[in-house]
Amino acid sequence: MIVTDKLLITLKKMGLQISISDSIVQALRLPEQRVEQELRQELAIALYTQNILPFGKARELAEMDKYEFGQLLARRGVVRHYGLEELNDDLNYARGE
């Protein structure tokens, strides 16, 4: 959602809004229709890289499936964290759960 002097990104699932001033939005070298998507992906990558969000939640924030987000991380040179939570997710998936 774009407002006259600020970009508002609404993360509905978390109930959080981030306001970005118009001057910053205008400085972004992105087409308007890609701004929210790109910012979501950048935030997801940053939070995942810093171990603030696990892979599943980071890909949810980025609005990408597992494969897409994994590919995005690979393109950026981000090493996947593979811990117990990810192992359990993979085992549940393999079992059809």
C-alpha atoms as a PDB file:
ATOM      1  CA  MET A   1       0.000   0.000   0.000  1.00  0.00           C
ATOM      2  CA  ILE A   2       1.515   3.368  -0.979  1.00  0.00           C
ATOM      3  CA  VAL A   3       0.503   6.520   0.881  1.00  0.00           C
ATOM      4  CA  THR A   4       1.341  10.040  -0.327  1.00  0.00           C
ATOM      5  CA  ASP A   5       4.453  10.599   1.780  1.00  0.00           C
ATOM      6  CA  LYS A   6       5.299   7.095   3.012  1.00  0.00           C
ATOM      7  CA  LEU A   7       5.352   3.499   1.887  1.00  0.00           C
ATOM      8  CA  LEU A   8       3.511   1.304   4.348  1.00  0.00           C
ATOM      9  CA  ILE A   9       4.359  -2.358   4.295  1.00  0.00           C
ATOM     10  CA  THR A  10       1.793  -4.379   6.150  1.00  0.00           C
ATOM     11  CA  LEU A  11       2.910  -7.745   7.421  1.00  0.00           C
ATOM     12  CA  LYS A  12      -0.590  -9.006   8.121  1.00  0.00           C
ATOM     13  CA  LYS A  13       0.372 -12.323   9.648  1.00  0.00           C
ATOM     14  CA  MET A  14       2.488 -10.577  12.261  1.00  0.00           C
ATOM     15  CA  GLY A  15       0.294  -7.531  12.695  1.00  0.00           C
ATOM     16  CA  LEU A  16       3.214  -5.217  11.979  1.00  0.00           C
ATOM     17  CA  GLN A  17       3.489  -2.166   9.760  1.00  0.00           C
ATOM     18  CA  ILE A  18       6.735  -0.582   8.650  1.00  0.00           C
ATOM     19  CA  SER A  19       6.689   3.036   7.481  1.00  0.00           C
ATOM     20  CA  ILE A  20       9.342   4.134   5.012  1.00  0.00           C
ATOM     21  CA  SER A  21       9.601   7.788   4.112  1.00  0.00           C
ATOM     22  CA  ASP A  22       8.833   8.887   0.582  1.00  0.00           C
ATOM     23  CA  SER A  23      12.386  10.146   0.049  1.00  0.00           C
ATOM     24  CA  ILE A  24      13.745   6.661   0.733  1.00  0.00           C
ATOM     25  CA  VAL A  25      11.121   4.989  -1.457  1.00  0.00           C
ATOM     26  CA  GLN A  26      11.974   7.368  -4.296  1.00  0.00           C
ATOM     27  CA  ALA A  27      15.673   6.579  -3.864  1.00  0.00           C
ATOM     28  CA  LEU A  28      15.042   2.859  -4.365  1.00  0.00           C
ATOM     29  CA  ARG A  29      16.157   1.711  -7.779  1.00  0.00           C
ATOM     30  CA  LEU A  30      13.137  -0.512  -8.252  1.00  0.00           C
ATOM     31  CA  PRO A  31       9.906  -0.265 -10.194  1.00  0.00           C
ATOM     32  CA  GLU A  32       7.035   0.635  -7.845  1.00  0.00           C
ATOM     33  CA  GLN A  33       5.311  -2.724  -8.360  1.00  0.00           C
ATOM     34  CA  ARG A  34       8.411  -4.596  -7.074  1.00  0.00           C
ATOM     35  CA  VAL A  35       9.167  -2.512  -3.974  1.00  0.00           C
ATOM     36  CA  GLU A  36       7.153  -4.472  -1.410  1.00  0.00           C
ATOM     37  CA  GLN A  37       8.232  -7.861  -2.766  1.00  0.00           C
ATOM     38  CA  GLU A  38      11.916  -6.899  -2.807  1.00  0.00           C
ATOM     39  CA  LEU A  39      11.822  -5.378   0.683  1.00  0.00           C
ATOM     40  CA  ARG A  40      10.107  -8.488   2.072  1.00  0.00           C
ATOM     41  CA  GLN A  41      12.793 -10.672   0.510  1.00  0.00           C
ATOM     42  CA  GLU A  42      15.634  -8.493   1.772  1.00  0.00           C
ATOM     43  CA  LEU A  43      14.216  -8.458   5.285  1.00  0.00           C
ATOM     44  CA  ALA A  44      13.697 -12.222   5.216  1.00  0.00           C
ATOM     45  CA  ILE A  45      17.276 -12.836   4.065  1.00  0.00           C
ATOM     46  CA  ALA A  46      18.695 -10.488   6.699  1.00  0.00           C
ATOM     47  CA  LEU A  47      16.691 -12.022   9.544  1.00  0.00           C
ATOM     48  CA  TYR A  48      17.494 -15.564   8.435  1.00  0.00           C
ATOM     49  CA  THR A  49      21.209 -14.802   8.047  1.00  0.00           C
ATOM     50  CA  GLN A  50      21.324 -13.408  11.588  1.00  0.00           C
ATOM     51  CA  ASN A  51      19.476 -16.453  13.021  1.00  0.00           C
ATOM     52  CA  ILE A  52      16.544 -14.252  14.017  1.00  0.00           C
ATOM     53  CA  LEU A  53      14.068 -16.226  11.880  1.00  0.00           C
ATOM     54  CA  PRO A  54      14.199 -19.905  10.956  1.00  0.00           C
ATOM     55  CA  PHE A  55      14.090 -20.875   7.288  1.00  0.00           C
ATOM     56  CA  GLY A  56      10.353 -21.635   7.215  1.00  0.00           C
ATOM     57  CA  LYS A  57       9.341 -18.320   8.737  1.00  0.00           C
ATOM     58  CA  ALA A  58      11.827 -16.372   6.632  1.00  0.00           C
ATOM     59  CA  ARG A  59      10.474 -17.896   3.422  1.00  0.00           C
ATOM     60  CA  GLU A  60       6.944 -17.134   4.652  1.00  0.00           C
ATOM     61  CA  LEU A  61       7.944 -13.503   5.187  1.00  0.00           C
ATOM     62  CA  ALA A  62       9.456 -13.455   1.693  1.00  0.00           C
ATOM     63  CA  GLU A  63       6.228 -15.019   0.358  1.00  0.00           C
ATOM     64  CA  MET A  64       8.190 -17.750  -1.390  1.00  0.00           C
ATOM     65  CA  ASP A  65       8.024 -21.526  -1.359  1.00  0.00           C
ATOM     66  CA  LYS A  66      10.908 -23.599   0.066  1.00  0.00           C
ATOM     67  CA  TYR A  67      12.590 -24.109  -3.274  1.00  0.00           C
ATOM     68  CA  GLU A  68      12.375 -20.451  -4.333  1.00  0.00           C
ATOM     69  CA  PHE A  69      13.708 -19.153  -1.029  1.00  0.00           C
ATOM     70  CA  GLY A  70      16.479 -21.745  -0.991  1.00  0.00           C
ATOM     71  CA  GLN A  71      17.477 -20.656  -4.496  1.00  0.00           C
ATOM     72  CA  LEU A  72      17.414 -16.990  -3.454  1.00  0.00           C
ATOM     73  CA  LEU A  73      19.720 -17.763  -0.517  1.00  0.00           C
ATOM     74  CA  ALA A  74      22.059 -19.689  -2.805  1.00  0.00           C
ATOM     75  CA  ARG A  75      22.231 -16.803  -5.307  1.00  0.00           C
ATOM     76  CA  ARG A  76      23.185 -14.500  -2.421  1.00  0.00           C
ATOM     77  CA  GLY A  77      25.799 -16.912  -1.096  1.00  0.00           C
ATOM     78  CA  VAL A  78      23.909 -17.451   2.170  1.00  0.00           C
ATOM     79  CA  VAL A  79      24.651 -20.832   3.717  1.00  0.00           C
ATOM     80  CA  ARG A  80      21.544 -22.674   4.865  1.00  0.00           C
ATOM     81  CA  HIS A  81      21.285 -23.282   8.588  1.00  0.00           C
ATOM     82  CA  TYR A  82      20.171 -26.843   8.981  1.00  0.00           C
ATOM     83  CA  GLY A  83      19.224 -27.597  12.531  1.00  0.00           C
ATOM     84  CA  LEU A  84      16.829 -29.823  14.379  1.00  0.00           C
ATOM     85  CA  GLU A  85      13.770 -27.768  13.378  1.00  0.00           C
ATOM     86  CA  GLU A  86      14.608 -28.059   9.675  1.00  0.00           C
ATOM     87  CA  LEU A  87      15.339 -31.780  10.051  1.00  0.00           C
ATOM     88  CA  ASN A  88      11.951 -32.321  11.697  1.00  0.00           C
ATOM     89  CA  ASP A  89      10.233 -30.313   8.948  1.00  0.00           C
ATOM     90  CA  ASP A  90      11.912 -32.439   6.294  1.00  0.00           C
ATOM     91  CA  LEU A  91      11.073 -35.687   8.079  1.00  0.00           C
ATOM     92  CA  ASN A  92       7.428 -34.631   8.465  1.00  0.00           C
ATOM     93  CA  TYR A  93       7.313 -33.702   4.788  1.00  0.00           C
ATOM     94  CA  ALA A  94       8.828 -37.063   3.804  1.00  0.00           C
ATOM     95  CA  ARG A  95       6.193 -38.840   5.900  1.00  0.00           C
ATOM     96  CA  GLY A  96       3.447 -36.855   4.203  1.00  0.00           C
ATOM     97  CA  GLU A  97       2.539 -34.922   7.347  1.00  0.00           C
END
